[in-house]
């Protein structure tokens, strides 16, 4: 693990990602999948770093480079970066954003309050045993992408 300029931890290997998923207890685990020098990833990283201390009692935030951990990139079907995935006590938490994909948030959040609100809803839902929650973010503030699924 290394830290970036904003103070967020970078997970470099599949083993590091596996360990963080297994060891994070009673907190929301936020994994931002992206690329170090991508502008939209940098914008999201700025929001994540500004909220990390505020959310420290309910969330841990890590960055994952899609090129360094391709097994998770493929598993979560990450084709657009940044993509943010949430876990709680080792369980993948899905979120209904009003889009086709409930497994991840695609794109950057518009502002830090949207991210804070989302983490709070995930935390409260997960503490009650829910594996899927409804996003508190106004649908007009959620980036929309057309997802194409191909048979291989």
Protein backbone atom coordinates (compact mmCIF):
# COMPACT_ATOMS: atom_id res chain seq x y z
CA UNK A 1 0.00 0.00 0.00
CA UNK A 2 1.14 3.50 -0.79
CA UNK A 3 -0.43 6.91 -0.25
CA UNK A 4 -1.15 9.44 -2.96
CA UNK A 5 -0.63 13.21 -2.74
CA UNK A 6 -4.12 13.61 -1.24
CA UNK A 7 -3.41 11.17 1.59
CA UNK A 8 -5.55 8.30 0.29
CA UNK A 9 -4.14 4.76 0.31
CA UNK A 10 -3.45 3.02 -3.01
CA UNK A 11 -3.96 -0.73 -3.16
CA UNK A 12 -1.36 -2.20 -5.53
CA UNK A 13 -2.19 -5.91 -5.70
CA UNK A 14 -5.11 -8.33 -5.65
CA UNK A 15 -3.89 -9.58 -2.27
CA UNK A 16 -4.03 -6.06 -0.79
CA UNK A 17 -7.59 -5.60 -2.11
CA UNK A 18 -8.61 -9.03 -0.76
CA UNK A 19 -7.14 -8.23 2.68
CA UNK A 20 -8.87 -4.85 2.92
CA UNK A 21 -12.23 -6.40 1.96
CA UNK A 22 -11.83 -9.15 4.57
CA UNK A 23 -10.45 -6.98 7.37
CA UNK A 24 -12.73 -3.92 7.21
CA UNK A 25 -15.37 -4.48 9.90
CA UNK A 26 -18.43 -2.40 10.78
CA UNK A 27 -17.46 0.30 8.29
CA UNK A 28 -18.29 0.95 4.67
CA UNK A 29 -15.34 0.08 2.47
CA UNK A 30 -15.07 2.45 -0.50
CA UNK A 31 -12.92 1.29 -3.41
CA UNK A 32 -12.33 3.85 -6.16
CA UNK A 33 -11.23 2.07 -9.33
CA UNK A 34 -9.49 4.33 -11.80
CA UNK A 35 -6.22 5.61 -13.18
CA UNK A 36 -3.73 7.79 -11.37
CA UNK A 37 -3.51 10.56 -13.99
CA UNK A 38 -7.07 10.57 -15.34
CA UNK A 39 -8.74 13.98 -14.84
CA UNK A 40 -12.12 12.64 -13.73
CA UNK A 41 -10.35 10.25 -11.30
CA UNK A 42 -8.36 13.16 -9.89
CA UNK A 43 -11.57 15.17 -9.42
CA UNK A 44 -13.17 12.24 -7.58
CA UNK A 45 -10.02 11.67 -5.50
CA UNK A 46 -10.19 15.29 -4.38
CA UNK A 47 -13.78 14.78 -3.15
CA UNK A 48 -12.84 11.49 -1.47
CA UNK A 49 -9.86 13.04 0.32
CA UNK A 50 -11.97 15.99 1.58
CA UNK A 51 -14.53 13.58 3.06
CA UNK A 52 -12.18 10.87 4.40
CA UNK A 53 -11.76 12.49 7.83
CA UNK A 54 -15.46 13.42 8.10
CA UNK A 55 -16.49 9.84 7.34
CA UNK A 56 -13.68 8.10 9.22
CA UNK A 57 -16.01 6.59 11.85
CA UNK A 58 -18.22 4.94 9.21
CA UNK A 59 -16.01 4.45 6.11
CA UNK A 60 -12.52 3.55 4.90
CA UNK A 61 -11.56 4.82 1.45
CA UNK A 62 -8.96 3.25 -0.87
CA UNK A 63 -7.84 3.80 -4.45
CA UNK A 64 -7.31 0.91 -6.86
CA UNK A 65 -5.56 1.31 -10.23
CA UNK A 66 -7.51 -0.66 -12.85
CA UNK A 67 -4.28 -1.67 -14.60
CA UNK A 68 -2.64 -3.07 -11.45
CA UNK A 69 -5.57 -5.21 -10.28
CA UNK A 70 -7.14 -6.48 -13.51
CA UNK A 71 -8.96 -9.38 -11.82
CA UNK A 72 -11.23 -6.94 -9.94
CA UNK A 73 -11.49 -4.67 -12.96
CA UNK A 74 -12.91 -7.61 -14.91
CA UNK A 75 -15.01 -8.93 -12.04
CA UNK A 76 -16.84 -5.61 -11.60
CA UNK A 77 -16.88 -5.02 -15.38
CA UNK A 78 -15.15 -1.65 -15.06
CA UNK A 79 -14.90 -0.15 -18.53
CA UNK A 80 -15.39 3.51 -17.58
CA UNK A 81 -13.27 5.16 -14.89
CA UNK A 82 -13.65 6.23 -12.22
CA UNK A 83 -15.95 3.57 -10.78
CA UNK A 84 -16.67 3.37 -7.06
CA UNK A 85 -17.59 0.08 -5.38
CA UNK A 86 -18.86 -0.35 -1.82
CA UNK A 87 -18.49 -3.19 0.70
CA UNK A 88 -19.57 -3.79 4.28
CA UNK A 89 -18.14 -6.60 6.43
CA UNK A 90 -16.84 -8.37 3.32
CA UNK A 91 -20.18 -8.13 1.47
CA UNK A 92 -20.52 -6.21 -1.78
CA UNK A 93 -23.23 -3.57 -1.26
CA UNK A 94 -25.31 -2.69 -4.30
CA UNK A 95 -26.95 0.70 -4.75
CA UNK A 96 -29.94 1.63 -6.90
CA UNK A 97 -28.87 4.88 -8.56
CA UNK A 98 -31.76 4.84 -11.01
CA UNK A 99 -29.37 3.47 -13.66
CA UNK A 100 -28.89 0.03 -15.20
CA UNK A 101 -25.87 -0.82 -13.05
CA UNK A 102 -26.33 -1.32 -9.29
CA UNK A 103 -22.85 -2.77 -8.68
CA UNK A 104 -20.87 0.47 -8.89
CA UNK A 105 -21.12 4.25 -9.18
CA UNK A 106 -19.71 5.24 -12.56
CA UNK A 107 -18.08 8.66 -12.86
CA UNK A 108 -17.26 11.34 -10.31
CA UNK A 109 -19.66 12.69 -7.71
CA UNK A 110 -20.83 16.25 -8.37
CA UNK A 111 -19.82 17.40 -4.87
CA UNK A 112 -18.70 16.04 -1.53
CA UNK A 113 -22.20 16.20 0.03
CA UNK A 114 -23.52 13.69 -2.54
CA UNK A 115 -20.76 11.27 -1.53
CA UNK A 116 -21.32 11.84 2.21
CA UNK A 117 -25.07 11.26 1.85
CA UNK A 118 -24.47 8.05 -0.13
CA UNK A 119 -22.00 6.62 2.40
CA UNK A 120 -24.41 7.42 5.26
CA UNK A 121 -27.28 5.61 3.51
CA UNK A 122 -25.07 2.61 2.73
CA UNK A 123 -23.82 2.49 6.34
CA UNK A 124 -27.30 2.67 7.86
CA UNK A 125 -28.67 0.09 5.42
CA UNK A 126 -25.74 -2.29 5.89
CA UNK A 127 -26.02 -2.04 9.70
CA UNK A 128 -29.59 -3.33 9.27
CA UNK A 129 -28.41 -6.21 7.06
CA UNK A 130 -29.38 -4.78 3.68
CA UNK A 131 -27.23 -5.76 0.70
CA UNK A 132 -28.89 -3.19 -1.57
CA UNK A 133 -29.92 0.39 -0.79
CA UNK A 134 -31.53 3.22 -2.73
CA UNK A 135 -29.27 6.15 -3.57
CA UNK A 136 -30.12 9.45 -1.85
CA UNK A 137 -28.52 11.37 -4.74
CA UNK A 138 -30.93 13.21 -7.02
CA UNK A 139 -31.05 11.19 -10.28
CA UNK A 140 -30.22 14.33 -12.28
CA UNK A 141 -26.85 14.41 -10.44
CA UNK A 142 -25.95 10.80 -11.32
CA UNK A 143 -23.88 10.41 -14.52
CA UNK A 144 -25.73 8.35 -17.15
CA UNK A 145 -24.01 5.88 -19.42
CA UNK A 146 -25.44 3.39 -21.87
CA UNK A 147 -24.15 -0.02 -20.94
CA UNK A 148 -23.65 -2.55 -23.69
CA UNK A 149 -23.43 -6.21 -22.77
CA UNK A 150 -21.75 -8.58 -25.20
CA UNK A 151 -21.76 -12.36 -25.27
CA UNK A 152 -18.24 -13.67 -25.40
